[in-house]
Amino acid sequence: MPDKKGRQTPQEAAWIDHMARTGDPVYAASKAGYAAPYTSAGQLQKRPEIMADVRARMLRVATANGVAILERLVEITLAPTSKASDAIAAAKVLLPLAMGTDAERKAPHEMSGDELQRAIDQLRREASERAHKIEVIDGTATISEGPAPSAATTNVLFD
């Protein structure tokens, strides 16, 4: 029950903290010192302002944990004393984040026709930026350091 000015009690604040960390309302009520944890947990969950505070606290905990996890993965990857297998496993998690390939990108089977076309166009642009012009002179292939051929030229050469 909030105090007379509508503020949270220390017991409610403790419940919010434990609830955000564990997700278990009865356990949180027990740890917060409520005499009847089952009843108190149910009552607290029915209060929108309390649950909003739980969600906000969960977000803060998740953000802090996420940063700590990323920092630890970087440590494992860079530490000379790390086992190769541990460094590789950490790098597999970090590399997609560093390269910008995040979970927001749809898989091809989830894309509409327009989205597929845009993805194909983007991949062609990236491929042409990375490609080198190959010239054959007197039967010897040489790679030019100049600009890559345009997508139209590439299609003519390789289709």
Protein backbone atom coordinates (compact mmCIF):
# COMPACT_ATOMS: atom_id res chain seq x y z
CA MET A 1 0.00 0.00 0.00
CA PRO A 2 1.51 3.40 -0.92
CA ASP A 3 2.08 5.91 1.84
CA LYS A 4 -0.28 8.89 2.40
CA LYS A 5 1.47 10.96 -0.28
CA GLY A 6 1.12 8.18 -2.87
CA ARG A 7 4.80 7.18 -2.77
CA GLN A 8 6.02 3.62 -2.74
CA THR A 9 6.85 2.05 0.55
CA PRO A 10 10.31 0.53 1.07
CA GLN A 11 8.64 -2.89 0.97
CA GLU A 12 7.06 -2.14 -2.41
CA ALA A 13 10.40 -0.89 -3.72
CA ALA A 14 12.04 -4.13 -2.56
CA TRP A 15 9.30 -6.17 -4.28
CA ILE A 16 9.81 -4.21 -7.52
CA ASP A 17 13.56 -4.84 -7.37
CA HIS A 18 13.21 -8.59 -6.72
CA MET A 19 10.39 -8.93 -9.26
CA ALA A 20 12.45 -7.20 -11.97
CA ARG A 21 15.43 -9.46 -11.30
CA THR A 22 13.60 -12.79 -11.02
CA GLY A 23 10.19 -12.42 -12.68
CA ASP A 24 8.68 -14.44 -9.81
CA PRO A 25 6.05 -12.34 -7.96
CA VAL A 26 5.62 -14.70 -4.99
CA TYR A 27 9.38 -15.08 -4.47
CA ALA A 28 9.76 -11.30 -4.76
CA ALA A 29 7.03 -10.77 -2.13
CA SER A 30 8.70 -13.26 0.17
CA LYS A 31 12.11 -11.59 -0.24
CA ALA A 32 10.55 -8.15 0.28
CA GLY A 33 9.24 -9.32 3.66
CA TYR A 34 5.51 -9.60 3.03
CA ALA A 35 3.75 -11.80 5.62
CA ALA A 36 1.41 -13.32 2.99
CA PRO A 37 3.54 -13.52 -0.19
CA TYR A 38 0.86 -15.14 -2.41
CA THR A 39 -1.80 -12.58 -1.54
CA SER A 40 0.58 -9.62 -1.63
CA ALA A 41 2.04 -10.68 -4.98
CA GLY A 42 -1.42 -10.82 -6.52
CA GLN A 43 -2.37 -7.42 -5.11
CA LEU A 44 0.87 -5.78 -6.27
CA GLN A 45 0.48 -7.18 -9.79
CA LYS A 46 -2.95 -5.58 -10.08
CA ARG A 47 -1.53 -2.09 -9.55
CA PRO A 48 -0.58 -0.49 -12.89
CA GLU A 49 1.86 2.02 -11.36
CA ILE A 50 3.76 -0.78 -9.60
CA MET A 51 3.92 -2.92 -12.75
CA ALA A 52 5.11 0.09 -14.76
CA ASP A 53 7.94 0.47 -12.25
CA VAL A 54 8.73 -3.25 -12.57
CA ARG A 55 8.96 -2.94 -16.37
CA ALA A 56 11.18 0.14 -16.09
CA ARG A 57 13.45 -1.64 -13.59
CA MET A 58 13.60 -4.75 -15.83
CA LEU A 59 14.72 -2.55 -18.71
CA ARG A 60 17.47 -0.97 -16.59
CA VAL A 61 18.64 -4.41 -15.41
CA ALA A 62 18.61 -5.82 -18.96
CA THR A 63 20.52 -2.83 -20.31
CA ALA A 64 23.14 -3.02 -17.57
CA ASN A 65 23.49 -6.78 -18.04
CA GLY A 66 23.74 -6.38 -21.81
CA VAL A 67 26.56 -3.88 -21.52
CA ALA A 68 28.39 -6.07 -19.00
CA ILE A 69 28.00 -9.11 -21.27
CA LEU A 70 29.36 -7.25 -24.30
CA GLU A 71 32.31 -5.95 -22.28
CA ARG A 72 33.10 -9.48 -21.09
CA LEU A 73 32.90 -10.85 -24.64
CA VAL A 74 35.34 -8.18 -25.82
CA GLU A 75 37.68 -9.10 -22.94
CA ILE A 76 37.55 -12.79 -23.89
CA THR A 77 38.17 -12.00 -27.55
CA LEU A 78 41.17 -9.75 -26.89
CA ALA A 79 42.80 -11.44 -23.88
CA PRO A 80 46.02 -13.26 -24.85
CA THR A 81 45.31 -15.85 -22.14
CA SER A 82 41.90 -16.83 -23.56
CA LYS A 83 41.55 -20.25 -25.14
CA ALA A 84 41.19 -20.05 -28.89
CA SER A 85 37.79 -21.78 -28.75
CA ASP A 86 36.51 -19.21 -26.22
CA ALA A 87 37.81 -16.28 -28.26
CA ILE A 88 36.20 -17.67 -31.42
CA ALA A 89 32.87 -18.21 -29.66
CA ALA A 90 32.95 -14.63 -28.32
CA ALA A 91 33.90 -13.27 -31.74
CA LYS A 92 30.96 -15.11 -33.34
CA VAL A 93 28.64 -13.12 -31.09
CA LEU A 94 30.44 -9.78 -31.48
CA LEU A 95 31.15 -9.84 -35.21
CA PRO A 96 27.54 -9.59 -36.44
CA LEU A 97 26.97 -6.70 -34.02
CA ALA A 98 30.06 -4.89 -35.28
CA MET A 99 29.20 -5.53 -38.93
CA GLY A 100 25.67 -4.25 -38.55
CA THR A 101 23.92 -7.54 -39.32
CA ASP A 102 21.39 -7.48 -36.54
CA ALA A 103 18.31 -9.48 -35.73
CA GLU A 104 16.10 -6.80 -37.31
CA ARG A 105 17.05 -7.99 -40.81
CA LYS A 106 14.39 -10.27 -42.22
CA ALA A 107 15.19 -13.67 -43.63
CA PRO A 108 14.48 -13.94 -47.39
CA HIS A 109 11.45 -16.18 -46.86
CA GLU A 110 9.91 -13.45 -44.66
CA MET A 111 10.32 -10.68 -47.26
CA SER A 112 7.79 -9.36 -49.71
CA GLY A 113 8.67 -9.17 -53.41
CA ASP A 114 9.62 -5.49 -53.11
CA GLU A 115 11.80 -6.16 -50.08
CA LEU A 116 13.54 -9.02 -51.88
CA GLN A 117 14.25 -6.79 -54.88
CA ARG A 118 15.70 -4.05 -52.65
CA ALA A 119 17.89 -6.63 -50.87
CA ILE A 120 19.12 -8.01 -54.21
CA ASP A 121 19.90 -4.50 -55.46
CA GLN A 122 21.79 -3.73 -52.25
CA LEU A 123 23.82 -6.95 -52.54
CA ARG A 124 24.67 -6.15 -56.18
CA ARG A 125 25.84 -2.65 -55.17
CA GLU A 126 28.01 -4.10 -52.39
CA ALA A 127 29.44 -6.75 -54.71
CA SER A 128 30.31 -4.20 -57.39
CA GLU A 129 32.01 -1.98 -54.80
CA ARG A 130 34.18 -4.90 -53.68
CA ALA A 131 34.94 -6.26 -57.15
CA HIS A 132 38.11 -5.52 -59.10
CA LYS A 133 38.32 -5.10 -62.83
CA ILE A 134 40.06 -8.07 -64.48
CA GLU A 135 41.83 -7.44 -67.76
CA VAL A 136 43.24 -10.16 -69.99
CA ILE A 137 46.30 -8.98 -71.93
CA ASP A 138 48.24 -11.47 -74.07
CA GLY A 139 46.61 -14.40 -72.30
CA THR A 140 47.52 -13.13 -68.81
CA ALA A 141 44.84 -11.96 -66.39
CA THR A 142 45.66 -8.88 -64.33
CA ILE A 143 43.60 -7.29 -61.60
CA SER A 144 43.20 -3.57 -61.99
CA GLU A 145 43.26 -1.38 -58.89
CA GLY A 146 40.91 1.07 -60.60
CA PRO A 147 37.18 1.32 -60.04
CA ALA A 148 35.12 -1.83 -60.33
CA PRO A 149 32.90 -2.27 -63.36
CA SER A 150 29.34 -1.07 -63.09
CA ALA A 151 26.54 -3.53 -62.39
CA ALA A 152 25.39 -3.25 -66.02
CA THR A 153 28.89 -4.15 -67.30
CA THR A 154 29.16 -6.98 -64.79
CA ASN A 155 25.89 -8.49 -66.02
CA VAL A 156 27.05 -8.29 -69.64
CA LEU A 157 30.39 -9.93 -68.82
CA PHE A 158 29.04 -12.76 -66.68
CA ASP A 159 25.54 -13.50 -67.98
